[in-house]
Amino acid sequence: MISKNSKKLKVIEVYDFCELRKDETNGHLGLFSRKNFSMGDLVINFGSSTMLDTPNYLTVQIGINQHILMSPEYLQFTNHSCNPNLLYNTTTMELECLRDISIGDEFAFFYPATEWKMSQKFECHCGEVDCIGLVQGAADTPIEILNQYKLTNFIHTMLKEKNKG
């Protein structure tokens, strides 16, 4: 997530409901809303431009050894937050609004909500009160944390399998 304190955001591309902005202080990219959305709204249907066997920092996991590059491609710039406003529902292939979003808000999702094992763990700097610190896949995230979030059906299935063993 782009720092909330950043004052140097440059618009790179404009799309129907969002725009891609670049933080000129650190080069980070993020998607920002051009419309108001209410909790429960469908933001956009998404698809896959490519299916990969292994994750990378641009993919969203839809199944075991199934990781998609997003279509439309600009959705890959949706960053992580520990207070997400979106969920990539990989069952319906819809981007769901988890809480109200206003014009100018950055779109963000909780990475472990879709990712079982991530290709790259990282320290979160979202600045949220309940920031989880180390962002990693759901397989490595404590269940107490995961229970606070809406997760994809795939992640729920993987958690059930993990608990059987």
C-alpha atoms as a PDB file:
ATOM      1  CA  MET A   1       0.000   0.000   0.000  1.00  0.00           C
ATOM      2  CA  ILE A   2       1.258   3.440  -0.828  1.00  0.00           C
ATOM      3  CA  SER A   3       2.005   5.471   2.277  1.00  0.00           C
ATOM      4  CA  LYS A   4      -0.973   7.525   3.381  1.00  0.00           C
ATOM      5  CA  ASN A   5       1.451  10.368   4.063  1.00  0.00           C
ATOM      6  CA  SER A   6       2.779  10.500   0.508  1.00  0.00           C
ATOM      7  CA  LYS A   7       1.999  13.817  -1.138  1.00  0.00           C
ATOM      8  CA  LYS A   8       3.845  13.056  -4.382  1.00  0.00           C
ATOM      9  CA  LEU A   9       1.484  10.799  -6.330  1.00  0.00           C
ATOM     10  CA  LYS A  10       1.560  11.062 -10.111  1.00  0.00           C
ATOM     11  CA  VAL A  11      -1.260   9.672 -12.258  1.00  0.00           C
ATOM     12  CA  ILE A  12       0.246   7.218 -14.769  1.00  0.00           C
ATOM     13  CA  GLU A  13      -2.867   5.715 -16.436  1.00  0.00           C
ATOM     14  CA  VAL A  14      -6.620   6.347 -16.168  1.00  0.00           C
ATOM     15  CA  TYR A  15      -9.198   3.555 -16.466  1.00  0.00           C
ATOM     16  CA  ASP A  16     -12.987   3.497 -16.141  1.00  0.00           C
ATOM     17  CA  PHE A  17     -13.245   3.107 -12.352  1.00  0.00           C
ATOM     18  CA  CYS A  18      -9.648   3.588 -11.217  1.00  0.00           C
ATOM     19  CA  GLU A  19      -6.319   5.167 -11.975  1.00  0.00           C
ATOM     20  CA  LEU A  20      -2.779   3.952 -11.619  1.00  0.00           C
ATOM     21  CA  ARG A  21      -0.633   6.302  -9.556  1.00  0.00           C
ATOM     22  CA  LYS A  22       3.067   6.306  -8.837  1.00  0.00           C
ATOM     23  CA  ASP A  23       4.528   7.472  -5.536  1.00  0.00           C
ATOM     24  CA  GLU A  24       7.356   9.680  -6.757  1.00  0.00           C
ATOM     25  CA  THR A  25       9.217   9.391  -3.450  1.00  0.00           C
ATOM     26  CA  ASN A  26       9.757   5.606  -3.691  1.00  0.00           C
ATOM     27  CA  GLY A  27       8.493   4.486  -7.110  1.00  0.00           C
ATOM     28  CA  HIS A  28       5.656   2.314  -5.727  1.00  0.00           C
ATOM     29  CA  LEU A  29       2.568   1.928  -7.888  1.00  0.00           C
ATOM     30  CA  GLY A  30      -1.034   1.602  -6.732  1.00  0.00           C
ATOM     31  CA  LEU A  31      -4.619   1.665  -7.986  1.00  0.00           C
ATOM     32  CA  PHE A  32      -6.891   4.427  -6.743  1.00  0.00           C
ATOM     33  CA  SER A  33     -10.658   4.685  -7.056  1.00  0.00           C
ATOM     34  CA  ARG A  34     -12.326   7.128  -9.445  1.00  0.00           C
ATOM     35  CA  LYS A  35     -15.787   6.172  -8.155  1.00  0.00           C
ATOM     36  CA  ASN A  36     -17.568   5.641  -4.865  1.00  0.00           C
ATOM     37  CA  PHE A  37     -18.355   2.043  -3.943  1.00  0.00           C
ATOM     38  CA  SER A  38     -20.410   0.648  -1.077  1.00  0.00           C
ATOM     39  CA  MET A  39     -19.708  -2.487   0.904  1.00  0.00           C
ATOM     40  CA  GLY A  40     -20.938  -5.479  -1.095  1.00  0.00           C
ATOM     41  CA  ASP A  41     -20.656  -3.791  -4.486  1.00  0.00           C
ATOM     42  CA  LEU A  42     -19.152  -5.613  -7.434  1.00  0.00           C
ATOM     43  CA  VAL A  43     -16.200  -3.490  -8.540  1.00  0.00           C
ATOM     44  CA  ILE A  44     -15.324  -5.448 -11.684  1.00  0.00           C
ATOM     45  CA  ASN A  45     -15.288  -8.962 -13.115  1.00  0.00           C
ATOM     46  CA  PHE A  46     -11.772 -10.201 -13.701  1.00  0.00           C
ATOM     47  CA  GLY A  47     -10.194 -13.032 -15.571  1.00  0.00           C
ATOM     48  CA  SER A  48      -6.885 -14.593 -16.375  1.00  0.00           C
ATOM     49  CA  SER A  49      -4.465 -13.645 -19.098  1.00  0.00           C
ATOM     50  CA  THR A  50      -2.119 -16.524 -18.188  1.00  0.00           C
ATOM     51  CA  MET A  51      -2.152 -19.485 -15.787  1.00  0.00           C
ATOM     52  CA  LEU A  52       1.089 -20.393 -14.004  1.00  0.00           C
ATOM     53  CA  ASP A  53       2.068 -23.445 -11.923  1.00  0.00           C
ATOM     54  CA  THR A  54       3.943 -21.364  -9.359  1.00  0.00           C
ATOM     55  CA  PRO A  55       3.195 -18.020  -7.737  1.00  0.00           C
ATOM     56  CA  ASN A  56       4.985 -14.785  -8.394  1.00  0.00           C
ATOM     57  CA  TYR A  57       4.457 -11.302  -7.026  1.00  0.00           C
ATOM     58  CA  LEU A  58       1.893 -10.498  -9.747  1.00  0.00           C
ATOM     59  CA  THR A  59      -0.342 -13.575  -9.506  1.00  0.00           C
ATOM     60  CA  VAL A  60      -3.496 -14.438  -7.596  1.00  0.00           C
ATOM     61  CA  GLN A  61      -3.998 -18.063  -6.577  1.00  0.00           C
ATOM     62  CA  ILE A  62      -7.178 -19.801  -7.713  1.00  0.00           C
ATOM     63  CA  GLY A  63      -6.278 -23.426  -6.891  1.00  0.00           C
ATOM     64  CA  ILE A  64      -3.441 -25.814  -6.122  1.00  0.00           C
ATOM     65  CA  ASN A  65      -0.657 -24.987  -8.594  1.00  0.00           C
ATOM     66  CA  GLN A  66      -3.009 -22.517 -10.294  1.00  0.00           C
ATOM     67  CA  HIS A  67      -1.893 -18.908 -10.217  1.00  0.00           C
ATOM     68  CA  ILE A  68      -3.295 -16.351 -12.631  1.00  0.00           C
ATOM     69  CA  LEU A  69      -1.962 -13.187 -14.125  1.00  0.00           C
ATOM     70  CA  MET A  70      -4.855 -10.782 -13.934  1.00  0.00           C
ATOM     71  CA  SER A  71      -7.017  -9.541 -16.753  1.00  0.00           C
ATOM     72  CA  PRO A  72      -7.444  -6.646 -17.027  1.00  0.00           C
ATOM     73  CA  GLU A  73      -3.706  -6.383 -16.469  1.00  0.00           C
ATOM     74  CA  TYR A  74      -3.799  -3.169 -14.419  1.00  0.00           C
ATOM     75  CA  LEU A  75      -5.403  -5.097 -11.534  1.00  0.00           C
ATOM     76  CA  GLN A  76      -1.916  -6.453 -10.752  1.00  0.00           C
ATOM     77  CA  PHE A  77      -1.205  -3.074  -9.122  1.00  0.00           C
ATOM     78  CA  THR A  78      -3.708  -3.667  -6.306  1.00  0.00           C
ATOM     79  CA  ASN A  79      -1.546  -3.564  -3.202  1.00  0.00           C
ATOM     80  CA  HIS A  80      -1.771  -5.315   0.169  1.00  0.00           C
ATOM     81  CA  SER A  81      -3.338  -3.822   3.280  1.00  0.00           C
ATOM     82  CA  CYS A  82      -4.126  -5.253   6.696  1.00  0.00           C
ATOM     83  CA  ASN A  83      -7.368  -3.258   6.435  1.00  0.00           C
ATOM     84  CA  PRO A  84      -8.436  -4.301   2.928  1.00  0.00           C
ATOM     85  CA  ASN A  85     -11.293  -2.755   1.004  1.00  0.00           C
ATOM     86  CA  LEU A  86     -11.394  -5.485  -1.686  1.00  0.00           C
ATOM     87  CA  LEU A  87     -11.478  -9.253  -2.073  1.00  0.00           C
ATOM     88  CA  TYR A  88     -10.556 -11.098  -5.235  1.00  0.00           C
ATOM     89  CA  ASN A  89     -13.349 -13.671  -5.158  1.00  0.00           C
ATOM     90  CA  THR A  90     -11.686 -16.427  -7.160  1.00  0.00           C
ATOM     91  CA  THR A  91     -14.853 -18.559  -7.215  1.00  0.00           C
ATOM     92  CA  THR A  92     -17.025 -15.959  -8.967  1.00  0.00           C
ATOM     93  CA  MET A  93     -14.079 -14.083 -10.558  1.00  0.00           C
ATOM     94  CA  GLU A  94     -15.433 -10.830  -9.129  1.00  0.00           C
ATOM     95  CA  LEU A  95     -13.620  -8.074  -7.320  1.00  0.00           C
ATOM     96  CA  GLU A  96     -15.811  -7.465  -4.263  1.00  0.00           C
ATOM     97  CA  CYS A  97     -15.985  -4.313  -2.180  1.00  0.00           C
ATOM     98  CA  LEU A  98     -15.475  -5.245   1.507  1.00  0.00           C
ATOM     99  CA  ARG A  99     -16.127  -1.772   2.899  1.00  0.00           C
ATOM    100  CA  ASP A 100     -17.081   1.625   1.541  1.00  0.00           C
ATOM    101  CA  ILE A 101     -14.568   3.118  -0.877  1.00  0.00           C
ATOM    102  CA  SER A 102     -14.499   6.809  -1.742  1.00  0.00           C
ATOM    103  CA  ILE A 103     -13.068   8.566  -4.768  1.00  0.00           C
ATOM    104  CA  GLY A 104      -9.314   8.799  -4.244  1.00  0.00           C
ATOM    105  CA  ASP A 105      -9.010   5.784  -1.914  1.00  0.00           C
ATOM    106  CA  GLU A 106      -6.342   3.253  -2.769  1.00  0.00           C
ATOM    107  CA  PHE A 107      -7.646  -0.204  -3.639  1.00  0.00           C
ATOM    108  CA  ALA A 108      -6.084  -2.899  -1.436  1.00  0.00           C
ATOM    109  CA  PHE A 109      -6.604  -6.542  -0.568  1.00  0.00           C
ATOM    110  CA  PHE A 110      -5.287  -8.865   2.117  1.00  0.00           C
ATOM    111  CA  TYR A 111      -2.773 -11.075   0.294  1.00  0.00           C
ATOM    112  CA  PRO A 112      -3.223 -14.179   2.508  1.00  0.00           C
ATOM    113  CA  ALA A 113      -6.941 -14.099   1.594  1.00  0.00           C
ATOM    114  CA  THR A 114      -5.985 -15.506  -1.826  1.00  0.00           C
ATOM    115  CA  GLU A 115      -2.468 -16.886  -1.441  1.00  0.00           C
ATOM    116  CA  TRP A 116      -1.658 -20.207   0.243  1.00  0.00           C
ATOM    117  CA  LYS A 117       2.124 -19.920  -0.209  1.00  0.00           C
ATOM    118  CA  MET A 118       3.617 -16.683  -1.477  1.00  0.00           C
ATOM    119  CA  SER A 119       6.684 -16.415  -3.670  1.00  0.00           C
ATOM    120  CA  GLN A 120       8.006 -13.514  -1.574  1.00  0.00           C
ATOM    121  CA  LYS A 121       7.261 -12.749   2.060  1.00  0.00           C
ATOM    122  CA  PHE A 122       7.596  -9.105   3.028  1.00  0.00           C
ATOM    123  CA  GLU A 123       7.282  -6.729   5.956  1.00  0.00           C
ATOM    124  CA  CYS A 124       4.048  -4.774   5.782  1.00  0.00           C
ATOM    125  CA  HIS A 125       4.162  -1.010   6.148  1.00  0.00           C
ATOM    126  CA  CYS A 126       0.446  -0.308   5.693  1.00  0.00           C
ATOM    127  CA  GLY A 127       0.310   1.695   8.909  1.00  0.00           C
ATOM    128  CA  GLU A 128      -2.967   0.139  10.057  1.00  0.00           C
ATOM    129  CA  VAL A 129      -3.581  -0.288  13.787  1.00  0.00           C
ATOM    130  CA  ASP A 130      -3.808  -4.085  13.481  1.00  0.00           C
ATOM    131  CA  CYS A 131      -0.984  -4.493  10.938  1.00  0.00           C
ATOM    132  CA  ILE A 132       0.154  -8.139  10.896  1.00  0.00           C
ATOM    133  CA  GLY A 133       3.805  -7.247  10.238  1.00  0.00           C
ATOM    134  CA  LEU A 134       5.127 -10.115   8.130  1.00  0.00           C
ATOM    135  CA  VAL A 135       2.926 -10.806   5.103  1.00  0.00           C
ATOM    136  CA  GLN A 136       3.090 -14.391   3.929  1.00  0.00           C
ATOM    137  CA  GLY A 137       0.680 -16.941   2.547  1.00  0.00           C
ATOM    138  CA  ALA A 138      -2.270 -18.254   4.536  1.00  0.00           C
ATOM    139  CA  ALA A 139      -0.382 -21.518   5.190  1.00  0.00           C
ATOM    140  CA  ASP A 140       2.084 -19.570   7.326  1.00  0.00           C
ATOM    141  CA  THR A 141      -0.278 -16.990   8.834  1.00  0.00           C
ATOM    142  CA  PRO A 142      -1.731 -17.736  12.289  1.00  0.00           C
ATOM    143  CA  ILE A 143      -5.365 -18.838  12.180  1.00  0.00           C
ATOM    144  CA  GLU A 144      -6.240 -16.147  14.746  1.00  0.00           C
ATOM    145  CA  ILE A 145      -5.244 -13.549  12.169  1.00  0.00           C
ATOM    146  CA  LEU A 146      -6.930 -15.275   9.222  1.00  0.00           C
ATOM    147  CA  ASN A 147     -10.207 -15.512  11.157  1.00  0.00           C
ATOM    148  CA  GLN A 148     -10.406 -11.710  11.092  1.00  0.00           C
ATOM    149  CA  TYR A 149     -10.634 -11.588   7.290  1.00  0.00           C
ATOM    150  CA  LYS A 150     -12.888 -12.685   4.465  1.00  0.00           C
ATOM    151  CA  LEU A 151     -10.976 -15.414   2.621  1.00  0.00           C
ATOM    152  CA  THR A 152     -11.479 -17.108  -0.736  1.00  0.00           C
ATOM    153  CA  ASN A 153     -13.141 -20.514  -0.892  1.00  0.00           C
ATOM    154  CA  PHE A 154      -9.805 -21.965  -2.000  1.00  0.00           C
ATOM    155  CA  ILE A 155      -8.055 -20.729   1.157  1.00  0.00           C
ATOM    156  CA  HIS A 156     -10.908 -22.054   3.345  1.00  0.00           C
ATOM    157  CA  THR A 157     -10.538 -25.466   1.681  1.00  0.00           C
ATOM    158  CA  MET A 158      -6.771 -25.464   2.219  1.00  0.00           C
ATOM    159  CA  LEU A 159      -7.205 -24.541   5.893  1.00  0.00           C
ATOM    160  CA  LYS A 160      -9.641 -27.453   6.384  1.00  0.00           C
ATOM    161  CA  GLU A 161      -7.126 -29.818   4.781  1.00  0.00           C
ATOM    162  CA  LYS A 162      -4.326 -28.472   6.957  1.00  0.00           C
ATOM    163  CA  ASN A 163      -6.397 -28.967  10.110  1.00  0.00           C
ATOM    164  CA  LYS A 164      -7.167 -32.602   9.208  1.00  0.00           C
ATOM    165  CA  GLY A 165      -3.470 -33.458   9.278  1.00  0.00           C
END
